[in-house]
C-alpha atoms as a PDB file:
ATOM      1  CA  MET A   1     -41.290  18.693 -79.955  1.00  0.00           C
ATOM      2  CA  GLN A   2     -39.629  21.746 -78.442  1.00  0.00           C
ATOM      3  CA  GLN A   3     -41.935  21.583 -75.530  1.00  0.00           C
ATOM      4  CA  MET A   4     -41.854  18.137 -74.632  1.00  0.00           C
ATOM      5  CA  ILE A   5     -38.234  18.335 -74.361  1.00  0.00           C
ATOM      6  CA  LYS A   6     -38.841  21.528 -72.746  1.00  0.00           C
ATOM      7  CA  ARG A   7     -41.274  19.608 -69.903  1.00  0.00           C
ATOM      8  CA  LEU A   8     -38.662  16.594 -69.978  1.00  0.00           C
ATOM      9  CA  GLN A   9     -35.954  19.241 -68.644  1.00  0.00           C
ATOM     10  CA  ASP A  10     -38.443  20.708 -66.137  1.00  0.00           C
ATOM     11  CA  PHE A  11     -38.918  17.199 -64.642  1.00  0.00           C
ATOM     12  CA  ASN A  12     -35.344  16.775 -64.402  1.00  0.00           C
ATOM     13  CA  GLU A  13     -34.388  19.732 -62.706  1.00  0.00           C
ATOM     14  CA  LEU A  14     -37.288  18.839 -60.770  1.00  0.00           C
ATOM     15  CA  VAL A  15     -35.766  15.493 -59.019  1.00  0.00           C
ATOM     16  CA  MET A  16     -31.990  16.518 -60.120  1.00  0.00           C
ATOM     17  CA  PHE A  17     -31.299  13.453 -61.827  1.00  0.00           C
ATOM     18  CA  GLN A  18     -27.768  14.004 -61.952  1.00  0.00           C
ATOM     19  CA  HIS A  19     -27.582  13.718 -57.855  1.00  0.00           C
ATOM     20  CA  SER A  20     -28.348   9.893 -58.787  1.00  0.00           C
ATOM     21  CA  ILE A  21     -24.790   9.725 -58.461  1.00  0.00           C
ATOM     22  CA  PHE A  22     -25.313   9.147 -54.988  1.00  0.00           C
ATOM     23  CA  SER A  23     -26.815   6.080 -54.988  1.00  0.00           C
ATOM     24  CA  LEU A  24     -26.417   4.017 -58.265  1.00  0.00           C
ATOM     25  CA  PRO A  25     -22.870   2.947 -57.454  1.00  0.00           C
ATOM     26  CA  PHE A  26     -23.672   1.809 -54.221  1.00  0.00           C
ATOM     27  CA  ILE A  27     -26.358  -0.421 -55.696  1.00  0.00           C
ATOM     28  CA  PHE A  28     -23.919  -1.781 -58.400  1.00  0.00           C
ATOM     29  CA  ILE A  29     -21.165  -2.354 -55.524  1.00  0.00           C
ATOM     30  CA  ALA A  30     -23.333  -4.884 -53.996  1.00  0.00           C
ATOM     31  CA  MET A  31     -24.670  -6.630 -56.659  1.00  0.00           C
ATOM     32  CA  ILE A  32     -21.079  -6.945 -58.397  1.00  0.00           C
ATOM     33  CA  VAL A  33     -19.317  -8.604 -54.859  1.00  0.00           C
ATOM     34  CA  ALA A  34     -23.409 -10.941 -54.819  1.00  0.00           C
ATOM     35  CA  ALA A  35     -22.781 -12.055 -58.078  1.00  0.00           C
ATOM     36  CA  ASP A  36     -18.480 -12.614 -57.469  1.00  0.00           C
ATOM     37  CA  GLY A  37     -18.590 -10.635 -60.991  1.00  0.00           C
ATOM     38  CA  TRP A  38     -20.459  -9.476 -63.665  1.00  0.00           C
ATOM     39  CA  PHE A  39     -24.491  -9.701 -62.936  1.00  0.00           C
ATOM     40  CA  GLY A  40     -25.926  -9.802 -66.234  1.00  0.00           C
ATOM     41  CA  PHE A  41     -27.918  -6.879 -68.417  1.00  0.00           C
ATOM     42  CA  GLN A  42     -30.799  -8.006 -67.113  1.00  0.00           C
ATOM     43  CA  LEU A  43     -30.233  -7.195 -63.629  1.00  0.00           C
ATOM     44  CA  LEU A  44     -28.168  -3.906 -64.634  1.00  0.00           C
ATOM     45  CA  ILE A  45     -31.490  -2.981 -66.459  1.00  0.00           C
ATOM     46  CA  LEU A  46     -33.781  -3.482 -63.723  1.00  0.00           C
ATOM     47  CA  GLY A  47     -31.320  -2.227 -60.876  1.00  0.00           C
ATOM     48  CA  ALA A  48     -30.834   0.905 -62.896  1.00  0.00           C
ATOM     49  CA  LEU A  49     -34.843   1.094 -63.306  1.00  0.00           C
ATOM     50  CA  ALA A  50     -35.729   0.073 -59.552  1.00  0.00           C
ATOM     51  CA  ALA A  51     -32.844   3.035 -58.121  1.00  0.00           C
ATOM     52  CA  VAL A  52     -34.046   5.794 -60.654  1.00  0.00           C
ATOM     53  CA  SER A  53     -37.586   5.548 -60.427  1.00  0.00           C
ATOM     54  CA  ALA A  54     -37.341   4.899 -56.469  1.00  0.00           C
ATOM     55  CA  ARG A  55     -35.147   7.970 -56.822  1.00  0.00           C
ATOM     56  CA  ASN A  56     -37.463   9.722 -58.545  1.00  0.00           C
ATOM     57  CA  THR A  57     -40.260   8.812 -56.335  1.00  0.00           C
ATOM     58  CA  ALA A  58     -39.095  10.117 -53.013  1.00  0.00           C
ATOM     59  CA  MET A  59     -37.658  13.500 -54.969  1.00  0.00           C
ATOM     60  CA  GLY A  60     -41.299  14.489 -56.564  1.00  0.00           C
ATOM     61  CA  PHE A  61     -43.076  13.169 -53.094  1.00  0.00           C
ATOM     62  CA  ASN A  62     -40.581  15.606 -51.548  1.00  0.00           C
ATOM     63  CA  ARG A  63     -40.925  18.604 -53.960  1.00  0.00           C
ATOM     64  CA  TYR A  64     -44.556  18.018 -54.078  1.00  0.00           C
ATOM     65  CA  ILE A  65     -45.041  18.499 -50.045  1.00  0.00           C
ATOM     66  CA  ASP A  66     -42.376  21.014 -49.782  1.00  0.00           C
ATOM     67  CA  ARG A  67     -43.675  23.777 -51.747  1.00  0.00           C
ATOM     68  CA  ALA A  68     -44.802  26.052 -49.835  1.00  0.00           C
ATOM     69  CA  TYR A  69     -41.151  26.087 -47.682  1.00  0.00           C
ATOM     70  CA  ASP A  70     -39.534  26.224 -51.415  1.00  0.00           C
ATOM     71  CA  LEU A  71     -41.585  29.467 -52.826  1.00  0.00           C
ATOM     72  CA  ASN A  72     -40.092  31.196 -49.292  1.00  0.00           C
ATOM     73  CA  ASN A  73     -36.451  29.672 -49.341  1.00  0.00           C
ATOM     74  CA  PRO A  74     -34.380  31.836 -51.974  1.00  0.00           C
ATOM     75  CA  ARG A  75     -32.070  29.211 -52.509  1.00  0.00           C
ATOM     76  CA  THR A  76     -35.174  26.760 -53.604  1.00  0.00           C
ATOM     77  CA  SER A  77     -37.317  29.909 -54.802  1.00  0.00           C
ATOM     78  CA  SER A  78     -36.487  28.999 -58.674  1.00  0.00           C
ATOM     79  CA  ARG A  79     -37.153  25.029 -58.519  1.00  0.00           C
ATOM     80  CA  PRO A  80     -39.709  24.202 -61.490  1.00  0.00           C
ATOM     81  CA  SER A  81     -41.817  23.048 -58.289  1.00  0.00           C
ATOM     82  CA  VAL A  82     -42.361  27.199 -57.448  1.00  0.00           C
ATOM     83  CA  ASP A  83     -41.646  28.964 -59.957  1.00  0.00           C
ATOM     84  CA  GLY A  84     -44.647  28.076 -62.027  1.00  0.00           C
ATOM     85  CA  ARG A  85     -43.107  25.724 -64.648  1.00  0.00           C
ATOM     86  CA  LEU A  86     -44.369  22.560 -62.935  1.00  0.00           C
ATOM     87  CA  ASP A  87     -48.278  22.326 -61.060  1.00  0.00           C
ATOM     88  CA  GLY A  88     -48.937  20.464 -58.203  1.00  0.00           C
ATOM     89  CA  LYS A  89     -50.837  18.183 -60.472  1.00  0.00           C
ATOM     90  CA  SER A  90     -48.154  16.857 -62.726  1.00  0.00           C
ATOM     91  CA  ILE A  91     -45.745  16.631 -59.933  1.00  0.00           C
ATOM     92  CA  ALA A  92     -48.377  14.245 -58.218  1.00  0.00           C
ATOM     93  CA  ILE A  93     -48.665  12.129 -61.484  1.00  0.00           C
ATOM     94  CA  PHE A  94     -45.184  12.519 -61.982  1.00  0.00           C
ATOM     95  CA  THR A  95     -44.404  10.318 -58.668  1.00  0.00           C
ATOM     96  CA  ILE A  96     -47.399   8.071 -58.660  1.00  0.00           C
ATOM     97  CA  VAL A  97     -45.516   6.813 -62.022  1.00  0.00           C
ATOM     98  CA  ASN A  98     -42.460   6.626 -60.920  1.00  0.00           C
ATOM     99  CA  ALA A  99     -44.379   4.315 -57.731  1.00  0.00           C
ATOM    100  CA  VAL A 100     -45.687   2.259 -59.808  1.00  0.00           C
ATOM    101  CA  VAL A 101     -43.011   1.677 -62.210  1.00  0.00           C
ATOM    102  CA  PHE A 102     -40.913   0.700 -58.861  1.00  0.00           C
ATOM    103  CA  VAL A 103     -42.635  -1.655 -57.566  1.00  0.00           C
ATOM    104  CA  ALA A 104     -43.376  -3.228 -61.279  1.00  0.00           C
ATOM    105  CA  VAL A 105     -39.513  -3.331 -61.745  1.00  0.00           C
ATOM    106  CA  THR A 106     -39.425  -5.389 -58.401  1.00  0.00           C
ATOM    107  CA  TYR A 107     -41.919  -7.752 -59.195  1.00  0.00           C
ATOM    108  CA  PHE A 108     -39.712  -9.069 -62.135  1.00  0.00           C
ATOM    109  CA  VAL A 109     -36.355  -8.776 -59.938  1.00  0.00           C
ATOM    110  CA  ASN A 110     -37.244 -11.527 -57.538  1.00  0.00           C
ATOM    111  CA  ASN A 111     -39.903 -12.358 -54.685  1.00  0.00           C
ATOM    112  CA  LEU A 112     -37.821 -10.932 -51.989  1.00  0.00           C
ATOM    113  CA  ALA A 113     -37.435  -7.420 -53.786  1.00  0.00           C
ATOM    114  CA  PHE A 114     -41.239  -7.508 -54.542  1.00  0.00           C
ATOM    115  CA  ALA A 115     -42.286  -7.766 -51.075  1.00  0.00           C
ATOM    116  CA  VAL A 116     -40.227  -5.169 -49.467  1.00  0.00           C
ATOM    117  CA  SER A 117     -40.851  -2.739 -52.523  1.00  0.00           C
ATOM    118  CA  ILE A 118     -44.009  -1.098 -50.565  1.00  0.00           C
ATOM    119  CA  PRO A 119     -41.886  -0.842 -47.076  1.00  0.00           C
ATOM    120  CA  VAL A 120     -38.981   0.416 -49.141  1.00  0.00           C
ATOM    121  CA  LEU A 121     -40.979   3.264 -50.730  1.00  0.00           C
ATOM    122  CA  LEU A 122     -42.874   4.043 -47.342  1.00  0.00           C
ATOM    123  CA  VAL A 123     -39.288   4.711 -45.603  1.00  0.00           C
ATOM    124  CA  LEU A 124     -38.187   6.752 -48.886  1.00  0.00           C
ATOM    125  CA  LEU A 125     -41.464   8.888 -48.482  1.00  0.00           C
ATOM    126  CA  SER A 126     -40.957   9.204 -44.381  1.00  0.00           C
ATOM    127  CA  TYR A 127     -38.271  11.695 -44.976  1.00  0.00           C
ATOM    128  CA  SER A 128     -40.317  14.043 -46.345  1.00  0.00           C
ATOM    129  CA  TYR A 129     -42.029  14.977 -43.348  1.00  0.00           C
ATOM    130  CA  PHE A 130     -39.121  14.075 -40.639  1.00  0.00           C
ATOM    131  CA  LYS A 131     -37.507  17.607 -40.796  1.00  0.00           C
ATOM    132  CA  ARG A 132     -40.972  19.080 -39.551  1.00  0.00           C
ATOM    133  CA  PHE A 133     -40.600  17.387 -36.473  1.00  0.00           C
ATOM    134  CA  SER A 134     -37.332  16.053 -36.031  1.00  0.00           C
ATOM    135  CA  SER A 135     -33.866  16.640 -36.353  1.00  0.00           C
ATOM    136  CA  LEU A 136     -33.069  13.082 -37.244  1.00  0.00           C
ATOM    137  CA  ALA A 137     -33.607  13.802 -41.005  1.00  0.00           C
ATOM    138  CA  HIS A 138     -30.214  13.630 -41.827  1.00  0.00           C
ATOM    139  CA  ILE A 139     -30.542  10.078 -40.952  1.00  0.00           C
ATOM    140  CA  ILE A 140     -33.841   9.068 -42.472  1.00  0.00           C
ATOM    141  CA  LEU A 141     -31.891  10.548 -45.284  1.00  0.00           C
ATOM    142  CA  GLY A 142     -28.719   8.293 -45.153  1.00  0.00           C
ATOM    143  CA  ILE A 143     -31.226   4.761 -44.783  1.00  0.00           C
ATOM    144  CA  SER A 144     -33.457   6.125 -47.677  1.00  0.00           C
ATOM    145  CA  LEU A 145     -29.965   6.153 -50.025  1.00  0.00           C
ATOM    146  CA  GLY A 146     -28.397   3.317 -47.700  1.00  0.00           C
ATOM    147  CA  LEU A 147     -31.130   0.710 -48.742  1.00  0.00           C
ATOM    148  CA  ALA A 148     -29.332   0.964 -52.440  1.00  0.00           C
ATOM    149  CA  PRO A 149     -26.768  -1.706 -51.423  1.00  0.00           C
ATOM    150  CA  ILE A 150     -29.319  -3.950 -49.855  1.00  0.00           C
ATOM    151  CA  ALA A 151     -31.136  -3.604 -52.882  1.00  0.00           C
ATOM    152  CA  GLY A 152     -28.662  -4.484 -54.636  1.00  0.00           C
ATOM    153  CA  ALA A 153     -27.842  -7.563 -52.874  1.00  0.00           C
ATOM    154  CA  ILE A 154     -31.396  -9.080 -52.670  1.00  0.00           C
ATOM    155  CA  ALA A 155     -31.668  -8.507 -56.839  1.00  0.00           C
ATOM    156  CA  VAL A 156     -28.497 -10.929 -57.358  1.00  0.00           C
ATOM    157  CA  LEU A 157     -28.668 -13.242 -53.939  1.00  0.00           C
ATOM    158  CA  GLY A 158     -32.528 -13.284 -52.579  1.00  0.00           C
ATOM    159  CA  THR A 159     -31.070 -12.648 -49.721  1.00  0.00           C
ATOM    160  CA  VAL A 160     -29.320 -10.405 -47.313  1.00  0.00           C
ATOM    161  CA  PRO A 161     -25.248 -10.799 -46.406  1.00  0.00           C
ATOM    162  CA  LEU A 162     -23.684  -8.982 -43.439  1.00  0.00           C
ATOM    163  CA  TRP A 163     -21.595  -7.793 -46.176  1.00  0.00           C
ATOM    164  CA  SER A 164     -24.288  -6.206 -47.899  1.00  0.00           C
ATOM    165  CA  VAL A 165     -25.419  -4.554 -44.168  1.00  0.00           C
ATOM    166  CA  TYR A 166     -22.500  -3.199 -43.429  1.00  0.00           C
ATOM    167  CA  LEU A 167     -21.937  -1.345 -47.030  1.00  0.00           C
ATOM    168  CA  SER A 168     -24.909   0.235 -46.276  1.00  0.00           C
ATOM    169  CA  VAL A 169     -24.650   1.266 -42.573  1.00  0.00           C
ATOM    170  CA  GLY A 170     -21.165   3.074 -44.089  1.00  0.00           C
ATOM    171  CA  VAL A 171     -23.802   4.561 -46.927  1.00  0.00           C
ATOM    172  CA  VAL A 172     -26.206   5.589 -44.128  1.00  0.00           C
ATOM    173  CA  PHE A 173     -23.961   8.251 -42.095  1.00  0.00           C
ATOM    174  CA  TRP A 174     -22.168   8.875 -45.125  1.00  0.00           C
ATOM    175  CA  VAL A 175     -25.343  10.991 -46.268  1.00  0.00           C
ATOM    176  CA  ALA A 176     -26.173  11.815 -42.819  1.00  0.00           C
ATOM    177  CA  GLY A 177     -22.813  12.780 -42.806  1.00  0.00           C
ATOM    178  CA  PHE A 178     -23.037  15.068 -45.846  1.00  0.00           C
ATOM    179  CA  ASP A 179     -26.187  16.226 -45.653  1.00  0.00           C
ATOM    180  CA  LEU A 180     -25.504  17.884 -41.974  1.00  0.00           C
ATOM    181  CA  LEU A 181     -22.714  19.835 -44.692  1.00  0.00           C
ATOM    182  CA  TYR A 182     -25.628  20.699 -46.925  1.00  0.00           C
ATOM    183  CA  SER A 183     -28.271  21.630 -43.929  1.00  0.00           C
ATOM    184  CA  LEU A 184     -25.749  24.473 -42.837  1.00  0.00           C
ATOM    185  CA  GLN A 185     -26.997  26.751 -46.097  1.00  0.00           C
ATOM    186  CA  ASP A 186     -30.708  26.575 -44.001  1.00  0.00           C
ATOM    187  CA  ILE A 187     -30.203  27.463 -40.813  1.00  0.00           C
ATOM    188  CA  GLU A 188     -31.656  30.534 -40.764  1.00  0.00           C
ATOM    189  CA  PHE A 189     -34.604  29.583 -42.885  1.00  0.00           C
ATOM    190  CA  ASP A 190     -35.374  26.294 -40.480  1.00  0.00           C
ATOM    191  CA  LYS A 191     -35.067  28.165 -37.419  1.00  0.00           C
ATOM    192  CA  ASN A 192     -37.461  31.058 -38.969  1.00  0.00           C
ATOM    193  CA  ASN A 193     -40.037  28.389 -40.127  1.00  0.00           C
ATOM    194  CA  ASN A 194     -39.788  25.578 -37.321  1.00  0.00           C
ATOM    195  CA  LEU A 195     -38.309  23.438 -39.428  1.00  0.00           C
ATOM    196  CA  HIS A 196     -35.671  20.607 -37.260  1.00  0.00           C
ATOM    197  CA  SER A 197     -32.186  20.585 -38.586  1.00  0.00           C
ATOM    198  CA  ILE A 198     -29.370  19.484 -36.183  1.00  0.00           C
ATOM    199  CA  PRO A 199     -27.926  22.429 -37.555  1.00  0.00           C
ATOM    200  CA  SER A 200     -30.714  25.046 -36.821  1.00  0.00           C
ATOM    201  CA  LYS A 201     -30.731  23.103 -33.503  1.00  0.00           C
ATOM    202  CA  TYR A 202     -27.184  23.212 -32.417  1.00  0.00           C
ATOM    203  CA  GLY A 203     -25.151  25.108 -34.746  1.00  0.00           C
ATOM    204  CA  SER A 204     -22.676  25.167 -37.337  1.00  0.00           C
ATOM    205  CA  SER A 205     -19.726  24.370 -35.300  1.00  0.00           C
ATOM    206  CA  ALA A 206     -21.530  20.986 -33.910  1.00  0.00           C
ATOM    207  CA  THR A 207     -22.798  20.190 -36.681  1.00  0.00           C
ATOM    208  CA  LEU A 208     -19.265  19.990 -38.163  1.00  0.00           C
ATOM    209  CA  ARG A 209     -18.050  17.847 -35.460  1.00  0.00           C
ATOM    210  CA  ILE A 210     -21.196  15.555 -35.439  1.00  0.00           C
ATOM    211  CA  SER A 211     -20.657  15.064 -39.580  1.00  0.00           C
ATOM    212  CA  VAL A 212     -17.141  13.928 -38.534  1.00  0.00           C
ATOM    213  CA  VAL A 213     -17.971  11.910 -35.916  1.00  0.00           C
ATOM    214  CA  PHE A 214     -20.993  10.431 -38.919  1.00  0.00           C
ATOM    215  CA  HIS A 215     -17.699   9.862 -41.611  1.00  0.00           C
ATOM    216  CA  GLY A 216     -15.313   7.961 -39.219  1.00  0.00           C
ATOM    217  CA  ILE A 217     -18.476   5.849 -38.625  1.00  0.00           C
ATOM    218  CA  THR A 218     -18.825   5.394 -42.573  1.00  0.00           C
ATOM    219  CA  ILE A 219     -15.183   4.376 -43.014  1.00  0.00           C
ATOM    220  CA  ILE A 220     -15.110   2.146 -40.044  1.00  0.00           C
ATOM    221  CA  PHE A 221     -18.295   0.263 -41.927  1.00  0.00           C
ATOM    222  CA  TRP A 222     -16.909   0.196 -45.239  1.00  0.00           C
ATOM    223  CA  SER A 223     -13.674  -1.597 -44.017  1.00  0.00           C
ATOM    224  CA  LEU A 224     -16.155  -3.726 -42.444  1.00  0.00           C
ATOM    225  CA  PHE A 225     -17.595  -4.086 -45.415  1.00  0.00           C
ATOM    226  CA  VAL A 226     -13.809  -5.063 -47.168  1.00  0.00           C
ATOM    227  CA  PHE A 227     -13.242  -7.608 -44.553  1.00  0.00           C
ATOM    228  CA  GLN A 228     -16.509  -9.175 -44.862  1.00  0.00           C
ATOM    229  CA  ALA A 229     -16.984  -8.981 -48.464  1.00  0.00           C
ATOM    230  CA  HIS A 230     -12.968 -10.935 -48.861  1.00  0.00           C
ATOM    231  CA  LEU A 231     -12.217  -7.900 -51.441  1.00  0.00           C
ATOM    232  CA  GLY A 232      -8.016  -7.414 -51.571  1.00  0.00           C
ATOM    233  CA  VAL A 233      -6.094  -4.536 -52.353  1.00  0.00           C
ATOM    234  CA  PHE A 234      -8.340  -2.557 -54.386  1.00  0.00           C
ATOM    235  CA  GLY A 235     -11.233  -2.311 -51.894  1.00  0.00           C
ATOM    236  CA  ILE A 236      -8.520  -1.577 -49.001  1.00  0.00           C
ATOM    237  CA  GLY A 237      -7.552   1.396 -51.879  1.00  0.00           C
ATOM    238  CA  ALA A 238     -11.338   2.120 -52.098  1.00  0.00           C
ATOM    239  CA  VAL A 239     -11.836   2.892 -48.606  1.00  0.00           C
ATOM    240  CA  LEU A 240      -8.227   4.906 -48.091  1.00  0.00           C
ATOM    241  CA  PHE A 241      -9.242   7.254 -51.257  1.00  0.00           C
ATOM    242  CA  SER A 242     -13.172   7.639 -49.239  1.00  0.00           C
ATOM    243  CA  LEU A 243     -11.391   8.561 -46.139  1.00  0.00           C
ATOM    244  CA  ILE A 244      -9.100  11.405 -48.308  1.00  0.00           C
ATOM    245  CA  MET A 245     -12.622  12.576 -50.432  1.00  0.00           C
ATOM    246  CA  LEU A 246     -14.144  12.874 -46.887  1.00  0.00           C
ATOM    247  CA  GLY A 247     -11.657  14.474 -45.152  1.00  0.00           C
ATOM    248  CA  TYR A 248     -10.582  17.029 -48.103  1.00  0.00           C
ATOM    249  CA  GLU A 249     -14.699  17.582 -47.755  1.00  0.00           C
ATOM    250  CA  HIS A 250     -14.299  18.451 -44.617  1.00  0.00           C
ATOM    251  CA  TYR A 251     -11.287  21.084 -45.453  1.00  0.00           C
ATOM    252  CA  LEU A 252     -13.034  22.418 -48.084  1.00  0.00           C
ATOM    253  CA  VAL A 253     -16.685  23.683 -45.591  1.00  0.00           C
ATOM    254  CA  ARG A 254     -14.503  24.362 -42.623  1.00  0.00           C
ATOM    255  CA  LEU A 255     -12.421  26.964 -45.047  1.00  0.00           C
ATOM    256  CA  ASP A 256     -15.527  28.620 -47.166  1.00  0.00           C
ATOM    257  CA  PHE A 257     -19.156  27.725 -46.477  1.00  0.00           C
ATOM    258  CA  THR A 258     -19.815  29.022 -49.845  1.00  0.00           C
ATOM    259  CA  LYS A 259     -17.685  25.583 -51.150  1.00  0.00           C
ATOM    260  CA  ILE A 260     -20.712  23.726 -49.358  1.00  0.00           C
ATOM    261  CA  ASP A 261     -22.265  22.631 -52.833  1.00  0.00           C
ATOM    262  CA  ARG A 262     -18.609  21.737 -53.828  1.00  0.00           C
ATOM    263  CA  ALA A 263     -17.920  19.812 -51.494  1.00  0.00           C
ATOM    264  CA  PHE A 264     -21.751  17.922 -51.839  1.00  0.00           C
ATOM    265  CA  PHE A 265     -21.671  17.350 -55.296  1.00  0.00           C
ATOM    266  CA  THR A 266     -17.679  16.959 -56.937  1.00  0.00           C
ATOM    267  CA  VAL A 267     -16.127  15.155 -53.773  1.00  0.00           C
ATOM    268  CA  ASN A 268     -19.445  12.753 -53.199  1.00  0.00           C
ATOM    269  CA  GLY A 269     -19.869  12.100 -56.868  1.00  0.00           C
ATOM    270  CA  TYR A 270     -16.265  11.460 -56.888  1.00  0.00           C
ATOM    271  CA  LEU A 271     -15.809   9.139 -54.099  1.00  0.00           C
ATOM    272  CA  GLY A 272     -19.503   6.513 -55.347  1.00  0.00           C
ATOM    273  CA  PHE A 273     -17.968   6.125 -58.933  1.00  0.00           C
ATOM    274  CA  VAL A 274     -13.945   5.651 -57.900  1.00  0.00           C
ATOM    275  CA  PHE A 275     -15.534   3.393 -54.801  1.00  0.00           C
ATOM    276  CA  PHE A 276     -17.427   1.436 -57.771  1.00  0.00           C
ATOM    277  CA  GLY A 277     -14.315   1.415 -59.959  1.00  0.00           C
ATOM    278  CA  CYS A 278     -12.083  -0.038 -57.502  1.00  0.00           C
ATOM    279  CA  VAL A 279     -14.453  -2.772 -56.250  1.00  0.00           C
ATOM    280  CA  ILE A 280     -14.993  -3.612 -59.879  1.00  0.00           C
ATOM    281  CA  MET A 281     -11.256  -4.018 -60.737  1.00  0.00           C
ATOM    282  CA  ASP A 282     -11.042  -6.328 -57.496  1.00  0.00           C
ATOM    283  CA  LYS A 283     -13.194  -8.390 -58.664  1.00  0.00           C
ATOM    284  CA  VAL A 284     -11.050  -8.069 -62.029  1.00  0.00           C
ATOM    285  CA  MET A 285      -7.865  -8.735 -61.229  1.00  0.00           C
ATOM    286  CA  GLY A 286      -8.357 -10.420 -57.518  1.00  0.00           C
END
């Protein structure tokens, strides 16, 4: 029993399950807006399963093909995929099982969700290769998480309304912006291993400026989302809170690069859940 628990803990660390906080709030925000309130327990369960299995597939695949890089990077050399706790076969099986679960779950959602399940997986898996040839990897990661709100709207409505596109574009640049900051930790490693990233290509000062631009685009599109979705004062509050938190994130990173983890995990985690809570309040009180 203890061995099984240890195995589960290793897989949990492999995919960093706690980072699901970045995508889960936004798929449920879209579902709440699409349903104009509560969307039902069935879609709650299916939505959560789809989001988690999709992310597990992407993370498992990334860890599998990046083992050689992760082994030589001091920041990642203690990951279960390279320190001997999980072998390549186990990671491959984990990834395939989660991919199958994701496709199976979409089948029970609706026809459109099932039809786009494979293309969505291809987008998620493509991120792992982009850093090998393009600095656009940050944008691809953003698109991977930015698909969540569109997926949430599809789950409830079976269509893609304009407000869900605005919300998704905001998520794309939110994620790409904070991934730029996170990537500052690997500038030298990326340069020495021919890996492409905006920090390694343009330097830290330019990266900070680009990240500010990306997060400015985020606020613009989340404002458009609030307007298009006819949200009220709490929706406006969500955007204002996001602006404050993103500003604080940049303040932390500019102050001290050693605070990147705090900016990445804590600030962005709070942002997603507060945004989610504001949308709930908007629908309850509106």
